Amino acid sequence: MASDDCLFCRIARGQIPADVVRETDQTVAFRDIEPQAPVHVLVIPRTHHEDLTQLVDADPTFAGSLMRDVAVVAKKLGLQQYRTVLNTGAEAGQSVFHVHAHVLGGRAMTWPPG
């Protein structure tokens, strides 16, 4: 199911332009417009799920497929080392409420940041 007012649903449908790096029948990967690293790509499902918890509740098998696509995107971009982040909820930093995995790389990813 897609949401008419969801930014990422609209990107997945091609209604909003994005710098797409990979597409499948189930996912779209595109460059973040406010990158936090030299490589910063978002991998989203084409179906609308608010966050990771909702996705796992609805389709736990697809949650694994989403992670597979993260690894495929990282490999395609030449990343041998990278960070994957999924924020769940506003207090965790989620700002678009459509589950998405951040793929970050191209520099040392120290923790804690800063």
C-alpha atoms as a PDB file:
ATOM      1  CA  MET A   1       0.000   0.000   0.000  1.00  0.00           C
ATOM      2  CA  ALA A   2       1.286   3.488  -0.823  1.00  0.00           C
ATOM      3  CA  SER A   3       0.455   6.782   0.765  1.00  0.00           C
ATOM      4  CA  ASP A   4      -0.528   9.724  -1.440  1.00  0.00           C
ATOM      5  CA  ASP A   5       1.097  12.288   0.855  1.00  0.00           C
ATOM      6  CA  CYS A   6       4.272  10.353   1.747  1.00  0.00           C
ATOM      7  CA  LEU A   7       7.428  11.872   0.251  1.00  0.00           C
ATOM      8  CA  PHE A   8       9.144   8.503  -0.185  1.00  0.00           C
ATOM      9  CA  CYS A   9       6.061   6.865  -1.711  1.00  0.00           C
ATOM     10  CA  ARG A  10       6.003   9.672  -4.259  1.00  0.00           C
ATOM     11  CA  ILE A  11       9.710   9.163  -5.011  1.00  0.00           C
ATOM     12  CA  ALA A  12       9.115   5.411  -5.408  1.00  0.00           C
ATOM     13  CA  ARG A  13       6.325   6.146  -7.908  1.00  0.00           C
ATOM     14  CA  GLY A  14       8.550   8.557  -9.870  1.00  0.00           C
ATOM     15  CA  GLN A  15       6.401  11.582  -9.013  1.00  0.00           C
ATOM     16  CA  ILE A  16       9.316  13.374  -7.356  1.00  0.00           C
ATOM     17  CA  PRO A  17      12.743  13.275  -8.985  1.00  0.00           C
ATOM     18  CA  ALA A  18      15.604  11.598  -7.143  1.00  0.00           C
ATOM     19  CA  ASP A  19      19.167  10.571  -7.941  1.00  0.00           C
ATOM     20  CA  VAL A  20      18.341   6.879  -8.151  1.00  0.00           C
ATOM     21  CA  VAL A  21      21.253   4.444  -7.891  1.00  0.00           C
ATOM     22  CA  ARG A  22      19.264   1.190  -7.988  1.00  0.00           C
ATOM     23  CA  GLU A  23      15.666   0.065  -8.487  1.00  0.00           C
ATOM     24  CA  THR A  24      13.955  -3.281  -8.132  1.00  0.00           C
ATOM     25  CA  ASP A  25      10.321  -4.300  -8.147  1.00  0.00           C
ATOM     26  CA  GLN A  26      10.360  -3.964  -4.355  1.00  0.00           C
ATOM     27  CA  THR A  27      12.864  -1.217  -3.513  1.00  0.00           C
ATOM     28  CA  VAL A  28      14.356   2.069  -4.655  1.00  0.00           C
ATOM     29  CA  ALA A  29      17.767   3.373  -3.607  1.00  0.00           C
ATOM     30  CA  PHE A  30      18.604   7.037  -4.080  1.00  0.00           C
ATOM     31  CA  ARG A  31      21.125   9.603  -2.870  1.00  0.00           C
ATOM     32  CA  ASP A  32      20.192  11.596   0.230  1.00  0.00           C
ATOM     33  CA  ILE A  33      19.683  15.316  -0.507  1.00  0.00           C
ATOM     34  CA  GLU A  34      21.444  16.229   2.766  1.00  0.00           C
ATOM     35  CA  PRO A  35      24.337  13.741   2.838  1.00  0.00           C
ATOM     36  CA  GLN A  36      26.061  13.061   6.137  1.00  0.00           C
ATOM     37  CA  ALA A  37      28.987  11.264   4.454  1.00  0.00           C
ATOM     38  CA  PRO A  38      30.608  11.260   1.003  1.00  0.00           C
ATOM     39  CA  VAL A  39      28.292   8.367   0.125  1.00  0.00           C
ATOM     40  CA  HIS A  40      24.811   8.610   1.630  1.00  0.00           C
ATOM     41  CA  VAL A  41      22.081   6.586  -0.033  1.00  0.00           C
ATOM     42  CA  LEU A  42      18.602   5.725   1.214  1.00  0.00           C
ATOM     43  CA  VAL A  43      17.091   2.325   0.455  1.00  0.00           C
ATOM     44  CA  ILE A  44      13.294   2.277   0.703  1.00  0.00           C
ATOM     45  CA  PRO A  45      10.585  -0.272   0.045  1.00  0.00           C
ATOM     46  CA  ARG A  46       8.063   0.673  -2.630  1.00  0.00           C
ATOM     47  CA  THR A  47       5.308  -0.274  -0.187  1.00  0.00           C
ATOM     48  CA  HIS A  48       4.530   2.127   2.630  1.00  0.00           C
ATOM     49  CA  HIS A  49       5.479   1.080   6.141  1.00  0.00           C
ATOM     50  CA  GLU A  50       5.943   3.836   8.688  1.00  0.00           C
ATOM     51  CA  ASP A  51       9.020   2.354  10.334  1.00  0.00           C
ATOM     52  CA  LEU A  52      11.025  -0.824  10.831  1.00  0.00           C
ATOM     53  CA  THR A  53       8.700  -2.137  13.531  1.00  0.00           C
ATOM     54  CA  GLN A  54       5.672  -1.784  11.258  1.00  0.00           C
ATOM     55  CA  LEU A  55       7.530  -3.439   8.372  1.00  0.00           C
ATOM     56  CA  VAL A  56       8.644  -6.413  10.497  1.00  0.00           C
ATOM     57  CA  ASP A  57       5.116  -6.848  11.855  1.00  0.00           C
ATOM     58  CA  ALA A  58       3.641  -6.780   8.338  1.00  0.00           C
ATOM     59  CA  ASP A  59       6.291  -8.733   6.426  1.00  0.00           C
ATOM     60  CA  PRO A  60       9.342 -10.026   8.335  1.00  0.00           C
ATOM     61  CA  THR A  61      10.696 -11.795   5.259  1.00  0.00           C
ATOM     62  CA  PHE A  62      10.732  -8.555   3.290  1.00  0.00           C
ATOM     63  CA  ALA A  63      12.638  -6.848   6.123  1.00  0.00           C
ATOM     64  CA  GLY A  64      15.460  -9.288   5.352  1.00  0.00           C
ATOM     65  CA  SER A  65      15.152  -8.530   1.644  1.00  0.00           C
ATOM     66  CA  LEU A  66      15.517  -4.833   2.396  1.00  0.00           C
ATOM     67  CA  MET A  67      18.794  -5.554   4.186  1.00  0.00           C
ATOM     68  CA  ARG A  68      19.960  -7.663   1.231  1.00  0.00           C
ATOM     69  CA  ASP A  69      19.298  -4.674  -1.021  1.00  0.00           C
ATOM     70  CA  VAL A  70      21.326  -2.456   1.340  1.00  0.00           C
ATOM     71  CA  ALA A  71      24.308  -4.796   0.865  1.00  0.00           C
ATOM     72  CA  VAL A  72      23.818  -4.879  -2.916  1.00  0.00           C
ATOM     73  CA  VAL A  73      23.701  -1.071  -3.077  1.00  0.00           C
ATOM     74  CA  ALA A  74      26.841  -0.751  -0.926  1.00  0.00           C
ATOM     75  CA  LYS A  75      28.682  -3.192  -3.200  1.00  0.00           C
ATOM     76  CA  LYS A  76      27.469  -1.377  -6.321  1.00  0.00           C
ATOM     77  CA  LEU A  77      28.824   1.881  -4.905  1.00  0.00           C
ATOM     78  CA  GLY A  78      32.187   0.263  -4.187  1.00  0.00           C
ATOM     79  CA  LEU A  79      31.842   0.389  -0.402  1.00  0.00           C
ATOM     80  CA  GLN A  80      33.717  -2.371   1.391  1.00  0.00           C
ATOM     81  CA  GLN A  81      33.036  -0.744   4.758  1.00  0.00           C
ATOM     82  CA  TYR A  82      29.897   1.225   5.488  1.00  0.00           C
ATOM     83  CA  ARG A  83      27.330   2.040   8.134  1.00  0.00           C
ATOM     84  CA  THR A  84      23.647   1.176   7.874  1.00  0.00           C
ATOM     85  CA  VAL A  85      21.166   3.116  10.002  1.00  0.00           C
ATOM     86  CA  LEU A  86      17.425   2.654  10.396  1.00  0.00           C
ATOM     87  CA  ASN A  87      15.807   5.257  12.652  1.00  0.00           C
ATOM     88  CA  THR A  88      12.489   4.273  14.215  1.00  0.00           C
ATOM     89  CA  GLY A  89      10.504   7.167  15.672  1.00  0.00           C
ATOM     90  CA  ALA A  90      11.039  10.907  15.951  1.00  0.00           C
ATOM     91  CA  GLU A  91      13.119  10.637  19.135  1.00  0.00           C
ATOM     92  CA  ALA A  92      15.499   8.309  17.272  1.00  0.00           C
ATOM     93  CA  GLY A  93      15.915  10.843  14.468  1.00  0.00           C
ATOM     94  CA  GLN A  94      13.340   9.598  11.962  1.00  0.00           C
ATOM     95  CA  SER A  95      12.053  12.582   9.980  1.00  0.00           C
ATOM     96  CA  VAL A  96      10.296  10.842   7.055  1.00  0.00           C
ATOM     97  CA  PHE A  97       7.843   8.246   8.307  1.00  0.00           C
ATOM     98  CA  HIS A  98       8.401   5.657   5.587  1.00  0.00           C
ATOM     99  CA  VAL A  99      10.916   3.006   6.620  1.00  0.00           C
ATOM    100  CA  HIS A 100      14.301   3.631   5.041  1.00  0.00           C
ATOM    101  CA  ALA A 101      17.832   2.405   5.526  1.00  0.00           C
ATOM    102  CA  HIS A 102      20.680   4.896   5.347  1.00  0.00           C
ATOM    103  CA  VAL A 103      23.835   3.562   3.683  1.00  0.00           C
ATOM    104  CA  LEU A 104      26.765   5.762   4.708  1.00  0.00           C
ATOM    105  CA  GLY A 105      30.370   5.427   3.623  1.00  0.00           C
ATOM    106  CA  GLY A 106      33.365   6.976   1.978  1.00  0.00           C
ATOM    107  CA  ARG A 107      34.960   8.107   5.264  1.00  0.00           C
ATOM    108  CA  ALA A 108      35.731   6.715   8.696  1.00  0.00           C
ATOM    109  CA  MET A 109      32.446   6.344  10.582  1.00  0.00           C
ATOM    110  CA  THR A 110      33.473   6.909  14.194  1.00  0.00           C
ATOM    111  CA  TRP A 111      31.150   6.449  17.151  1.00  0.00           C
ATOM    112  CA  PRO A 112      29.992   8.458  18.884  1.00  0.00           C
ATOM    113  CA  PRO A 113      29.721  10.993  16.052  1.00  0.00           C
ATOM    114  CA  GLY A 114      31.298  14.381  16.410  1.00  0.00           C
END
